[in-house]
Amino acid sequence: MIVKVCGITIAEDALASVAAGASVLGFNFYPKSPRYVRPEAARVIADQVSVLRVGVFVNEAPGDVVRIMKIAGMDVAQVYLGALPAGVRTWRARNVDATFDAAELSDPAPEAFLLDAPAPGVHGGTGHMFDWSRVPSVPRKIVLAGGLDASNVARAIAIAKPWGVDACSKLETAPGRKDHKRVRDFIEAAMAVHV
């Protein structure tokens, strides 16, 4: 089970998350996000950790995704909307809303699919949940996101049986600033589940 802490904007939060057991950190490169981090600043943080580093992109041109990933030192591009870039590891992010079709998960291009809760005009980090029973049983890597924290991650894992989990806003004191106790509690709760 991978455990991702997303919305990292400062080194202190990155280091605390890794110390607590996070196997993946997420950096948001969507300029309209309250958790946006400049690629150069992300690189300074990313160079201090040895876990998987995921860049979050929303409807970005594939060439720009690749360029930003190189600047920022990212390992994976997590893409909401838009075309997937070629030549890099990708996760396709998809909101599980009324238009969600499990057939989309048959696309062989992404390494994994991140399934998140919908919110108008917002892509991730909303704190909202979706019905985890809608996660289909498919032979693909699924990362479950949307309103997860220590209070509900075990139940979410038991229902959806994902490859990984991702949390952001429920672990914060303010957008882009993590509460280290909430981070520790979330990771501990996720890692305690055996599916």
N, C-alpha and C. Protein backbone atom coordinates (compact mmCIF):
# COMPACT_ATOMS: atom_id res chain seq x y z
N MET A 1 0.85 -1.18 0.00
CA MET A 1 0.00 0.00 0.00
C MET A 1 0.89 1.24 0.00
N ILE A 2 0.68 2.10 -0.99
CA ILE A 2 1.40 3.36 -0.97
C ILE A 2 0.54 4.39 -0.23
N VAL A 3 1.20 5.30 0.45
CA VAL A 3 0.49 6.36 1.16
C VAL A 3 1.08 7.69 0.70
N LYS A 4 0.22 8.50 0.09
CA LYS A 4 0.64 9.78 -0.47
C LYS A 4 0.11 10.94 0.36
N VAL A 5 1.01 11.86 0.68
CA VAL A 5 0.62 13.13 1.30
C VAL A 5 0.78 14.18 0.21
N CYS A 6 -0.32 14.82 -0.14
CA CYS A 6 -0.31 15.75 -1.26
C CYS A 6 -0.40 17.20 -0.77
N GLY A 7 -0.07 18.12 -1.70
CA GLY A 7 -0.14 19.54 -1.37
C GLY A 7 1.05 20.02 -0.58
N ILE A 8 2.20 19.41 -0.78
CA ILE A 8 3.42 19.81 -0.08
C ILE A 8 3.91 21.14 -0.66
N THR A 9 4.19 22.09 0.23
CA THR A 9 4.69 23.40 -0.21
C THR A 9 5.96 23.83 0.53
N ILE A 10 6.27 23.14 1.65
CA ILE A 10 7.47 23.51 2.41
C ILE A 10 8.23 22.24 2.82
N ALA A 11 9.54 22.40 2.99
CA ALA A 11 10.40 21.26 3.31
C ALA A 11 10.03 20.64 4.66
N GLU A 12 9.68 21.45 5.62
CA GLU A 12 9.33 20.93 6.96
C GLU A 12 8.21 19.90 6.87
N ASP A 13 7.19 20.18 6.07
CA ASP A 13 6.08 19.24 5.93
C ASP A 13 6.49 17.99 5.15
N ALA A 14 7.34 18.16 4.15
CA ALA A 14 7.83 17.01 3.39
C ALA A 14 8.61 16.06 4.29
N LEU A 15 9.52 16.62 5.06
CA LEU A 15 10.36 15.80 5.94
C LEU A 15 9.53 15.12 7.02
N ALA A 16 8.56 15.83 7.59
CA ALA A 16 7.70 15.25 8.62
C ALA A 16 6.85 14.12 8.04
N SER A 17 6.36 14.30 6.82
CA SER A 17 5.54 13.27 6.19
C SER A 17 6.35 12.00 5.92
N VAL A 18 7.56 12.18 5.42
CA VAL A 18 8.42 11.03 5.15
C VAL A 18 8.80 10.34 6.45
N ALA A 19 9.12 11.12 7.47
CA ALA A 19 9.46 10.54 8.78
C ALA A 19 8.30 9.74 9.35
N ALA A 20 7.07 10.16 9.04
CA ALA A 20 5.88 9.45 9.53
C ALA A 20 5.57 8.20 8.72
N GLY A 21 6.24 8.03 7.57
CA GLY A 21 6.04 6.83 6.77
C GLY A 21 5.42 7.02 5.41
N ALA A 22 5.22 8.27 4.97
CA ALA A 22 4.67 8.49 3.63
C ALA A 22 5.63 7.92 2.59
N SER A 23 5.08 7.23 1.61
CA SER A 23 5.90 6.67 0.53
C SER A 23 5.85 7.52 -0.73
N VAL A 24 4.94 8.51 -0.74
CA VAL A 24 4.78 9.39 -1.89
C VAL A 24 4.44 10.79 -1.39
N LEU A 25 5.02 11.81 -2.02
CA LEU A 25 4.67 13.21 -1.75
C LEU A 25 4.14 13.82 -3.04
N GLY A 26 3.11 14.67 -2.91
CA GLY A 26 2.52 15.33 -4.06
C GLY A 26 2.77 16.83 -4.03
N PHE A 27 3.12 17.38 -5.19
CA PHE A 27 3.41 18.81 -5.37
C PHE A 27 2.48 19.35 -6.44
N ASN A 28 1.77 20.42 -6.14
CA ASN A 28 0.74 20.92 -7.03
C ASN A 28 1.27 22.03 -7.92
N PHE A 29 1.23 21.80 -9.22
CA PHE A 29 1.71 22.78 -10.20
C PHE A 29 0.57 23.45 -10.97
N TYR A 30 -0.63 23.41 -10.40
CA TYR A 30 -1.78 24.10 -10.98
C TYR A 30 -1.84 25.50 -10.39
N PRO A 31 -1.56 26.54 -11.18
CA PRO A 31 -1.43 27.90 -10.64
C PRO A 31 -2.64 28.41 -9.86
N LYS A 32 -3.84 27.89 -10.15
CA LYS A 32 -5.04 28.36 -9.44
C LYS A 32 -5.24 27.68 -8.10
N SER A 33 -4.42 26.71 -7.78
CA SER A 33 -4.57 25.99 -6.51
C SER A 33 -3.98 26.79 -5.35
N PRO A 34 -4.62 26.74 -4.18
CA PRO A 34 -4.03 27.39 -3.01
C PRO A 34 -2.77 26.67 -2.52
N ARG A 35 -2.50 25.51 -3.10
CA ARG A 35 -1.31 24.73 -2.73
C ARG A 35 -0.26 24.76 -3.84
N TYR A 36 -0.42 25.68 -4.77
CA TYR A 36 0.54 25.80 -5.87
C TYR A 36 1.94 26.05 -5.34
N VAL A 37 2.90 25.38 -5.95
CA VAL A 37 4.31 25.58 -5.60
C VAL A 37 5.09 25.75 -6.91
N ARG A 38 5.95 26.73 -6.94
CA ARG A 38 6.78 26.94 -8.13
C ARG A 38 7.69 25.74 -8.34
N PRO A 39 7.93 25.35 -9.59
CA PRO A 39 8.77 24.18 -9.85
C PRO A 39 10.16 24.28 -9.20
N GLU A 40 10.76 25.45 -9.22
CA GLU A 40 12.09 25.63 -8.62
C GLU A 40 12.05 25.41 -7.11
N ALA A 41 10.98 25.89 -6.46
CA ALA A 41 10.83 25.69 -5.01
C ALA A 41 10.56 24.22 -4.70
N ALA A 42 9.77 23.57 -5.56
CA ALA A 42 9.50 22.14 -5.37
C ALA A 42 10.78 21.34 -5.47
N ARG A 43 11.68 21.74 -6.37
CA ARG A 43 12.94 21.01 -6.55
C ARG A 43 13.79 21.04 -5.29
N VAL A 44 13.82 22.19 -4.63
CA VAL A 44 14.59 22.32 -3.38
C VAL A 44 14.05 21.34 -2.33
N ILE A 45 12.73 21.22 -2.28
CA ILE A 45 12.10 20.30 -1.32
C ILE A 45 12.33 18.86 -1.76
N ALA A 46 12.07 18.58 -3.04
CA ALA A 46 12.16 17.21 -3.57
C ALA A 46 13.56 16.63 -3.39
N ASP A 47 14.57 17.46 -3.51
CA ASP A 47 15.94 16.98 -3.37
C ASP A 47 16.28 16.54 -1.95
N GLN A 48 15.41 16.84 -0.99
CA GLN A 48 15.67 16.49 0.41
C GLN A 48 15.02 15.18 0.83
N VAL A 49 14.26 14.56 -0.08
CA VAL A 49 13.55 13.32 0.26
C VAL A 49 13.87 12.22 -0.75
N SER A 50 13.69 10.99 -0.31
CA SER A 50 14.01 9.86 -1.19
C SER A 50 12.78 9.00 -1.48
N VAL A 51 11.60 9.59 -1.40
CA VAL A 51 10.37 8.88 -1.72
C VAL A 51 9.90 9.29 -3.12
N LEU A 52 8.86 8.64 -3.62
CA LEU A 52 8.30 8.98 -4.92
C LEU A 52 7.70 10.38 -4.87
N ARG A 53 8.02 11.19 -5.90
CA ARG A 53 7.55 12.57 -5.95
C ARG A 53 6.63 12.73 -7.15
N VAL A 54 5.39 13.16 -6.87
CA VAL A 54 4.36 13.26 -7.89
C VAL A 54 3.99 14.72 -8.11
N GLY A 55 4.04 15.14 -9.37
CA GLY A 55 3.60 16.48 -9.74
C GLY A 55 2.16 16.45 -10.19
N VAL A 56 1.34 17.35 -9.65
CA VAL A 56 -0.08 17.42 -9.99
C VAL A 56 -0.30 18.51 -11.04
N PHE A 57 -0.95 18.13 -12.15
CA PHE A 57 -1.17 19.04 -13.27
C PHE A 57 -2.63 19.03 -13.68
N VAL A 58 -3.14 20.19 -14.09
CA VAL A 58 -4.53 20.31 -14.54
C VAL A 58 -4.53 20.91 -15.94
N ASN A 59 -4.92 20.10 -16.92
CA ASN A 59 -5.09 20.57 -18.30
C ASN A 59 -3.85 21.31 -18.83
N GLU A 60 -2.70 20.82 -18.47
CA GLU A 60 -1.42 21.41 -18.90
C GLU A 60 -0.99 20.74 -20.21
N ALA A 61 -0.38 21.51 -21.10
CA ALA A 61 0.14 20.94 -22.34
C ALA A 61 1.18 19.87 -22.00
N PRO A 62 1.13 18.72 -22.68
CA PRO A 62 2.06 17.63 -22.36
C PRO A 62 3.53 18.05 -22.33
N GLY A 63 3.95 18.89 -23.28
CA GLY A 63 5.33 19.35 -23.28
C GLY A 63 5.68 20.17 -22.06
N ASP A 64 4.73 20.96 -21.58
CA ASP A 64 4.95 21.75 -20.37
C ASP A 64 5.03 20.86 -19.12
N VAL A 65 4.22 19.79 -19.12
CA VAL A 65 4.29 18.85 -18.00
C VAL A 65 5.70 18.26 -17.90
N VAL A 66 6.23 17.80 -19.01
CA VAL A 66 7.57 17.20 -19.02
C VAL A 66 8.61 18.23 -18.58
N ARG A 67 8.50 19.45 -19.08
CA ARG A 67 9.47 20.50 -18.73
C ARG A 67 9.42 20.81 -17.23
N ILE A 68 8.21 20.96 -16.69
CA ILE A 68 8.07 21.28 -15.26
C ILE A 68 8.56 20.13 -14.40
N MET A 69 8.27 18.90 -14.82
CA MET A 69 8.74 17.74 -14.06
C MET A 69 10.26 17.72 -13.96
N LYS A 70 10.94 18.05 -15.05
CA LYS A 70 12.41 18.07 -15.03
C LYS A 70 12.92 19.14 -14.10
N ILE A 71 12.34 20.33 -14.19
CA ILE A 71 12.77 21.44 -13.31
C ILE A 71 12.55 21.07 -11.85
N ALA A 72 11.38 20.47 -11.56
CA ALA A 72 10.99 20.21 -10.17
C ALA A 72 11.53 18.91 -9.60
N GLY A 73 12.11 18.04 -10.44
CA GLY A 73 12.62 16.77 -9.95
C GLY A 73 11.53 15.78 -9.59
N MET A 74 10.47 15.75 -10.38
CA MET A 74 9.34 14.85 -10.13
C MET A 74 9.56 13.49 -10.80
N ASP A 75 8.95 12.47 -10.21
CA ASP A 75 9.04 11.11 -10.75
C ASP A 75 7.81 10.73 -11.57
N VAL A 76 6.65 11.28 -11.20
CA VAL A 76 5.38 10.90 -11.82
C VAL A 76 4.57 12.17 -12.07
N ALA A 77 3.84 12.19 -13.20
CA ALA A 77 2.88 13.27 -13.48
C ALA A 77 1.48 12.75 -13.20
N GLN A 78 0.78 13.42 -12.27
CA GLN A 78 -0.63 13.11 -11.99
C GLN A 78 -1.45 14.14 -12.74
N VAL A 79 -2.21 13.68 -13.74
CA VAL A 79 -2.85 14.59 -14.69
C VAL A 79 -4.37 14.58 -14.54
N TYR A 80 -4.92 15.76 -14.20
CA TYR A 80 -6.36 16.01 -14.26
C TYR A 80 -6.62 16.69 -15.60
N LEU A 81 -7.50 16.15 -16.39
CA LEU A 81 -7.85 16.73 -17.69
C LEU A 81 -6.64 16.79 -18.62
N GLY A 82 -6.90 16.96 -19.88
CA GLY A 82 -5.81 17.11 -20.84
C GLY A 82 -5.15 15.80 -21.21
N ALA A 83 -4.27 15.91 -22.20
CA ALA A 83 -3.56 14.74 -22.72
C ALA A 83 -2.43 14.34 -21.78
N LEU A 84 -2.15 13.05 -21.74
CA LEU A 84 -1.03 12.55 -20.95
C LEU A 84 0.27 12.80 -21.71
N PRO A 85 1.32 13.22 -21.02
CA PRO A 85 2.61 13.42 -21.68
C PRO A 85 3.25 12.07 -22.00
N ALA A 86 4.04 12.04 -23.06
CA ALA A 86 4.75 10.83 -23.45
C ALA A 86 6.12 10.81 -22.78
N GLY A 87 6.60 9.60 -22.51
CA GLY A 87 7.97 9.46 -22.02
C GLY A 87 8.16 9.64 -20.53
N VAL A 88 7.07 9.82 -19.77
CA VAL A 88 7.19 9.93 -18.31
C VAL A 88 6.11 9.06 -17.66
N ARG A 89 6.35 8.68 -16.42
CA ARG A 89 5.35 7.92 -15.67
C ARG A 89 4.16 8.83 -15.41
N THR A 90 2.94 8.30 -15.61
CA THR A 90 1.75 9.12 -15.40
C THR A 90 0.70 8.39 -14.58
N TRP A 91 -0.05 9.18 -13.82
CA TRP A 91 -1.27 8.74 -13.15
C TRP A 91 -2.37 9.61 -13.70
N ARG A 92 -3.46 9.01 -14.14
CA ARG A 92 -4.62 9.76 -14.61
C ARG A 92 -5.54 10.01 -13.41
N ALA A 93 -5.80 11.27 -13.11
CA ALA A 93 -6.71 11.62 -12.02
C ALA A 93 -8.10 11.80 -12.59
N ARG A 94 -9.08 11.24 -11.90
CA ARG A 94 -10.46 11.29 -12.38
C ARG A 94 -11.40 11.47 -11.20
N ASN A 95 -12.31 12.44 -11.32
CA ASN A 95 -13.34 12.61 -10.30
C ASN A 95 -14.41 11.54 -10.49
N VAL A 96 -14.84 10.97 -9.39
CA VAL A 96 -15.91 9.97 -9.44
C VAL A 96 -17.23 10.72 -9.25
N ASP A 97 -17.76 11.20 -10.37
CA ASP A 97 -19.02 11.95 -10.38
C ASP A 97 -20.04 11.22 -11.22
N ALA A 98 -21.11 11.89 -11.59
CA ALA A 98 -22.17 11.24 -12.36
C ALA A 98 -21.71 10.77 -13.73
N THR A 99 -20.65 11.39 -14.26
CA THR A 99 -20.16 11.00 -15.59
C THR A 99 -19.09 9.91 -15.53
N PHE A 100 -18.72 9.50 -14.34
CA PHE A 100 -17.66 8.50 -14.21
C PHE A 100 -18.07 7.18 -14.84
N ASP A 101 -17.18 6.65 -15.66
CA ASP A 101 -17.42 5.38 -16.34
C ASP A 101 -16.21 4.49 -16.07
N ALA A 102 -16.43 3.37 -15.43
CA ALA A 102 -15.34 2.46 -15.08
C ALA A 102 -14.56 1.99 -16.31
N ALA A 103 -15.17 2.07 -17.48
CA ALA A 103 -14.48 1.65 -18.71
C ALA A 103 -13.25 2.52 -18.97
N GLU A 104 -13.24 3.75 -18.43
CA GLU A 104 -12.08 4.62 -18.60
C GLU A 104 -10.82 4.01 -17.99
N LEU A 105 -11.00 3.15 -17.02
CA LEU A 105 -9.86 2.57 -16.32
C LEU A 105 -9.18 1.47 -17.13
N SER A 106 -9.69 1.21 -18.33
CA SER A 106 -9.04 0.22 -19.19
C SER A 106 -7.94 0.85 -20.04
N ASP A 107 -7.81 2.18 -20.02
CA ASP A 107 -6.75 2.86 -20.77
C ASP A 107 -5.40 2.35 -20.28
N PRO A 108 -4.58 1.77 -21.16
CA PRO A 108 -3.31 1.21 -20.71
C PRO A 108 -2.20 2.25 -20.49
N ALA A 109 -2.42 3.49 -20.93
CA ALA A 109 -1.35 4.49 -20.87
C ALA A 109 -0.92 4.87 -19.46
N PRO A 110 -1.83 5.18 -18.54
CA PRO A 110 -1.38 5.57 -17.20
C PRO A 110 -0.88 4.37 -16.39
N GLU A 111 0.09 4.63 -15.55
CA GLU A 111 0.58 3.61 -14.62
C GLU A 111 -0.49 3.30 -13.56
N ALA A 112 -1.25 4.33 -13.17
CA ALA A 112 -2.28 4.19 -12.14
C ALA A 112 -3.37 5.22 -12.39
N PHE A 113 -4.49 5.03 -11.71
CA PHE A 113 -5.59 5.98 -11.75
C PHE A 113 -5.84 6.49 -10.33
N LEU A 114 -5.88 7.81 -10.19
CA LEU A 114 -6.23 8.41 -8.91
C LEU A 114 -7.69 8.81 -8.98
N LEU A 115 -8.50 8.25 -8.11
CA LEU A 115 -9.93 8.54 -8.08
C LEU A 115 -10.23 9.48 -6.93
N ASP A 116 -10.89 10.59 -7.25
CA ASP A 116 -11.08 11.69 -6.30
C ASP A 116 -12.55 12.09 -6.26
N ALA A 117 -12.88 12.91 -5.26
CA ALA A 117 -14.24 13.42 -5.12
C ALA A 117 -14.42 14.66 -5.99
N PRO A 118 -15.59 14.82 -6.61
CA PRO A 118 -15.81 15.99 -7.45
C PRO A 118 -16.14 17.22 -6.63
N ALA A 119 -15.77 18.37 -7.19
CA ALA A 119 -16.15 19.68 -6.64
C ALA A 119 -16.05 20.67 -7.80
N PRO A 120 -17.07 21.48 -8.00
CA PRO A 120 -17.07 22.38 -9.16
C PRO A 120 -15.85 23.30 -9.20
N GLY A 121 -15.12 23.24 -10.32
CA GLY A 121 -13.99 24.14 -10.54
C GLY A 121 -12.75 23.84 -9.73
N VAL A 122 -12.75 22.75 -8.96
CA VAL A 122 -11.61 22.41 -8.11
C VAL A 122 -11.13 21.02 -8.48
N HIS A 123 -9.83 20.84 -8.45
CA HIS A 123 -9.24 19.55 -8.82
C HIS A 123 -8.38 19.06 -7.66
N GLY A 124 -8.98 18.30 -6.76
CA GLY A 124 -8.27 17.76 -5.62
C GLY A 124 -8.20 18.73 -4.45
N GLY A 125 -7.90 18.18 -3.28
CA GLY A 125 -7.72 19.00 -2.09
C GLY A 125 -8.99 19.65 -1.58
N THR A 126 -10.14 19.02 -1.86
CA THR A 126 -11.41 19.63 -1.46
C THR A 126 -11.87 19.21 -0.07
N GLY A 127 -11.38 18.06 0.39
CA GLY A 127 -11.86 17.52 1.66
C GLY A 127 -13.16 16.77 1.53
N HIS A 128 -13.71 16.68 0.32
CA HIS A 128 -14.96 15.96 0.09
C HIS A 128 -14.68 14.49 -0.20
N MET A 129 -15.64 13.65 0.16
CA MET A 129 -15.55 12.22 -0.11
C MET A 129 -16.51 11.84 -1.22
N PHE A 130 -16.32 10.66 -1.79
CA PHE A 130 -17.29 10.10 -2.71
C PHE A 130 -17.62 8.70 -2.22
N ASP A 131 -18.60 8.08 -2.85
CA ASP A 131 -19.03 6.74 -2.47
C ASP A 131 -17.97 5.73 -2.88
N TRP A 132 -17.20 5.24 -1.92
CA TRP A 132 -16.09 4.33 -2.22
C TRP A 132 -16.53 3.03 -2.85
N SER A 133 -17.79 2.66 -2.66
CA SER A 133 -18.27 1.42 -3.27
C SER A 133 -18.36 1.55 -4.79
N ARG A 134 -18.23 2.78 -5.32
CA ARG A 134 -18.24 2.98 -6.77
C ARG A 134 -16.89 2.65 -7.41
N VAL A 135 -15.88 2.41 -6.60
CA VAL A 135 -14.57 2.05 -7.15
C VAL A 135 -14.66 0.62 -7.66
N PRO A 136 -14.49 0.44 -8.95
CA PRO A 136 -14.65 -0.90 -9.50
C PRO A 136 -13.47 -1.80 -9.15
N SER A 137 -13.75 -3.08 -9.14
CA SER A 137 -12.68 -4.07 -8.96
C SER A 137 -12.07 -4.32 -10.33
N VAL A 138 -10.95 -3.68 -10.57
CA VAL A 138 -10.27 -3.80 -11.86
C VAL A 138 -8.81 -4.14 -11.62
N PRO A 139 -8.18 -4.80 -12.60
CA PRO A 139 -6.76 -5.16 -12.42
C PRO A 139 -5.84 -3.99 -12.76
N ARG A 140 -6.09 -2.85 -12.16
CA ARG A 140 -5.29 -1.65 -12.37
C ARG A 140 -4.93 -1.08 -11.00
N LYS A 141 -3.87 -0.31 -10.97
CA LYS A 141 -3.49 0.36 -9.73
C LYS A 141 -4.41 1.55 -9.51
N ILE A 142 -5.10 1.56 -8.38
CA ILE A 142 -6.02 2.64 -8.03
C ILE A 142 -5.50 3.34 -6.78
N VAL A 143 -5.41 4.66 -6.86
CA VAL A 143 -5.08 5.48 -5.70
C VAL A 143 -6.37 6.19 -5.30
N LEU A 144 -6.76 6.01 -4.06
CA LEU A 144 -8.02 6.57 -3.57
C LEU A 144 -7.74 7.91 -2.89
N ALA A 145 -8.47 8.94 -3.29
CA ALA A 145 -8.32 10.27 -2.71
C ALA A 145 -9.70 10.84 -2.40
N GLY A 146 -9.72 11.97 -1.73
CA GLY A 146 -10.98 12.65 -1.46
C GLY A 146 -11.44 12.53 -0.02
N GLY A 147 -11.11 13.52 0.79
CA GLY A 147 -11.62 13.60 2.15
C GLY A 147 -11.09 12.55 3.11
N LEU A 148 -9.93 11.99 2.81
CA LEU A 148 -9.38 10.94 3.69
C LEU A 148 -8.59 11.54 4.83
N ASP A 149 -8.72 10.90 5.99
CA ASP A 149 -7.91 11.22 7.17
C ASP A 149 -7.90 9.98 8.06
N ALA A 150 -7.36 10.11 9.26
CA ALA A 150 -7.23 8.95 10.15
C ALA A 150 -8.59 8.36 10.53
N SER A 151 -9.64 9.17 10.51
CA SER A 151 -10.95 8.70 10.97
C SER A 151 -11.67 7.81 9.96
N ASN A 152 -11.27 7.87 8.68
CA ASN A 152 -12.04 7.13 7.69
C ASN A 152 -11.19 6.30 6.71
N VAL A 153 -9.87 6.42 6.76
CA VAL A 153 -9.05 5.76 5.76
C VAL A 153 -9.14 4.23 5.84
N ALA A 154 -9.25 3.68 7.03
CA ALA A 154 -9.35 2.22 7.16
C ALA A 154 -10.63 1.72 6.50
N ARG A 155 -11.73 2.42 6.71
CA ARG A 155 -13.00 2.02 6.10
C ARG A 155 -12.92 2.15 4.58
N ALA A 156 -12.31 3.24 4.10
CA ALA A 156 -12.17 3.45 2.66
C ALA A 156 -11.36 2.32 2.02
N ILE A 157 -10.27 1.93 2.67
CA ILE A 157 -9.43 0.86 2.15
C ILE A 157 -10.20 -0.47 2.13
N ALA A 158 -10.93 -0.73 3.20
CA ALA A 158 -11.69 -1.97 3.29
C ALA A 158 -12.73 -2.07 2.18
N ILE A 159 -13.35 -0.94 1.82
CA ILE A 159 -14.39 -0.94 0.80
C ILE A 159 -13.79 -0.97 -0.61
N ALA A 160 -12.83 -0.08 -0.88
CA ALA A 160 -12.33 0.10 -2.25
C ALA A 160 -11.13 -0.79 -2.60
N LYS A 161 -10.41 -1.25 -1.59
CA LYS A 161 -9.22 -2.09 -1.80
C LYS A 161 -8.24 -1.48 -2.82
N PRO A 162 -7.82 -0.24 -2.58
CA PRO A 162 -6.94 0.43 -3.54
C PRO A 162 -5.49 0.00 -3.42
N TRP A 163 -4.70 0.36 -4.41
CA TRP A 163 -3.24 0.19 -4.38
C TRP A 163 -2.61 1.22 -3.45
N GLY A 164 -3.27 2.39 -3.36
CA GLY A 164 -2.75 3.44 -2.51
C GLY A 164 -3.82 4.42 -2.07
N VAL A 165 -3.47 5.26 -1.12
CA VAL A 165 -4.37 6.31 -0.63
C VAL A 165 -3.63 7.64 -0.65
N ASP A 166 -4.40 8.72 -0.75
CA ASP A 166 -3.86 10.06 -0.90
C ASP A 166 -4.68 11.01 -0.04
N ALA A 167 -4.01 11.82 0.75
CA ALA A 167 -4.71 12.82 1.57
C ALA A 167 -4.03 14.16 1.43
N CYS A 168 -4.83 15.20 1.61
CA CYS A 168 -4.31 16.56 1.47
C CYS A 168 -4.96 17.49 2.49
N SER A 169 -6.15 18.01 2.15
CA SER A 169 -6.75 19.08 2.95
C SER A 169 -7.11 18.66 4.37
N LYS A 170 -7.48 17.41 4.57
CA LYS A 170 -7.85 16.97 5.92
C LYS A 170 -6.64 16.85 6.85
N LEU A 171 -5.44 17.00 6.29
CA LEU A 171 -4.21 16.92 7.09
C LEU A 171 -3.61 18.31 7.33
N GLU A 172 -4.37 19.37 7.04
CA GLU A 172 -3.80 20.71 7.06
C GLU A 172 -4.33 21.59 8.19
N THR A 173 -3.50 22.57 8.53
CA THR A 173 -3.93 23.66 9.41
C THR A 173 -4.38 24.84 8.55
N ALA A 174 -3.85 24.92 7.32
CA ALA A 174 -4.21 25.92 6.31
C ALA A 174 -3.76 25.34 4.97
N PRO A 175 -4.32 25.82 3.84
CA PRO A 175 -3.90 25.26 2.56
C PRO A 175 -2.39 25.31 2.38
N GLY A 176 -1.80 24.12 2.15
CA GLY A 176 -0.36 24.03 1.94
C GLY A 176 0.47 23.92 3.21
N ARG A 177 -0.17 23.84 4.37
CA ARG A 177 0.55 23.70 5.64
C ARG A 177 -0.02 22.50 6.40
N LYS A 178 0.83 21.51 6.64
CA LYS A 178 0.37 20.27 7.25
C LYS A 178 0.40 20.32 8.78
N ASP A 179 -0.56 19.63 9.36
CA ASP A 179 -0.57 19.37 10.80
C ASP A 179 0.14 18.03 10.96
N HIS A 180 1.31 18.04 11.55
CA HIS A 180 2.14 16.83 11.57
C HIS A 180 1.51 15.69 12.35
N LYS A 181 0.72 15.98 13.36
CA LYS A 181 0.03 14.92 14.09
C LYS A 181 -1.03 14.27 13.20
N ARG A 182 -1.78 15.08 12.47
CA ARG A 182 -2.78 14.52 11.57
C ARG A 182 -2.12 13.67 10.49
N VAL A 183 -0.98 14.10 10.00
CA VAL A 183 -0.24 13.33 9.00
C VAL A 183 0.15 11.97 9.59
N ARG A 184 0.76 12.00 10.78
CA ARG A 184 1.18 10.74 11.42
C ARG A 184 -0.01 9.81 11.66
N ASP A 185 -1.11 10.36 12.17
CA ASP A 185 -2.29 9.55 12.46
C ASP A 185 -2.87 8.93 11.19
N PHE A 186 -2.90 9.71 10.12
CA PHE A 186 -3.43 9.21 8.84
C PHE A 186 -2.58 8.05 8.32
N ILE A 187 -1.28 8.24 8.31
CA ILE A 187 -0.38 7.21 7.78
C ILE A 187 -0.44 5.96 8.64
N GLU A 188 -0.47 6.13 9.95
CA GLU A 188 -0.56 4.99 10.86
C GLU A 188 -1.85 4.21 10.62
N ALA A 189 -2.97 4.92 10.46
CA ALA A 189 -4.26 4.26 10.24
C ALA A 189 -4.28 3.52 8.91
N ALA A 190 -3.70 4.15 7.87
CA ALA A 190 -3.67 3.50 6.55
C ALA A 190 -2.79 2.25 6.57
N MET A 191 -1.64 2.34 7.19
CA MET A 191 -0.70 1.23 7.19
C MET A 191 -1.15 0.07 8.10
N ALA A 192 -2.08 0.34 9.00
CA ALA A 192 -2.56 -0.71 9.90
C ALA A 192 -3.57 -1.64 9.25
N VAL A 193 -4.07 -1.25 8.08
CA VAL A 193 -5.09 -2.05 7.39
C VAL A 193 -4.43 -3.16 6.59
N HIS A 194 -4.98 -4.36 6.69
CA HIS A 194 -4.49 -5.50 5.92
C HIS A 194 -5.62 -5.99 5.01
N VAL A 195 -5.45 -5.80 3.71
CA VAL A 195 -6.49 -6.25 2.77
C VAL A 195 -5.96 -7.34 1.87
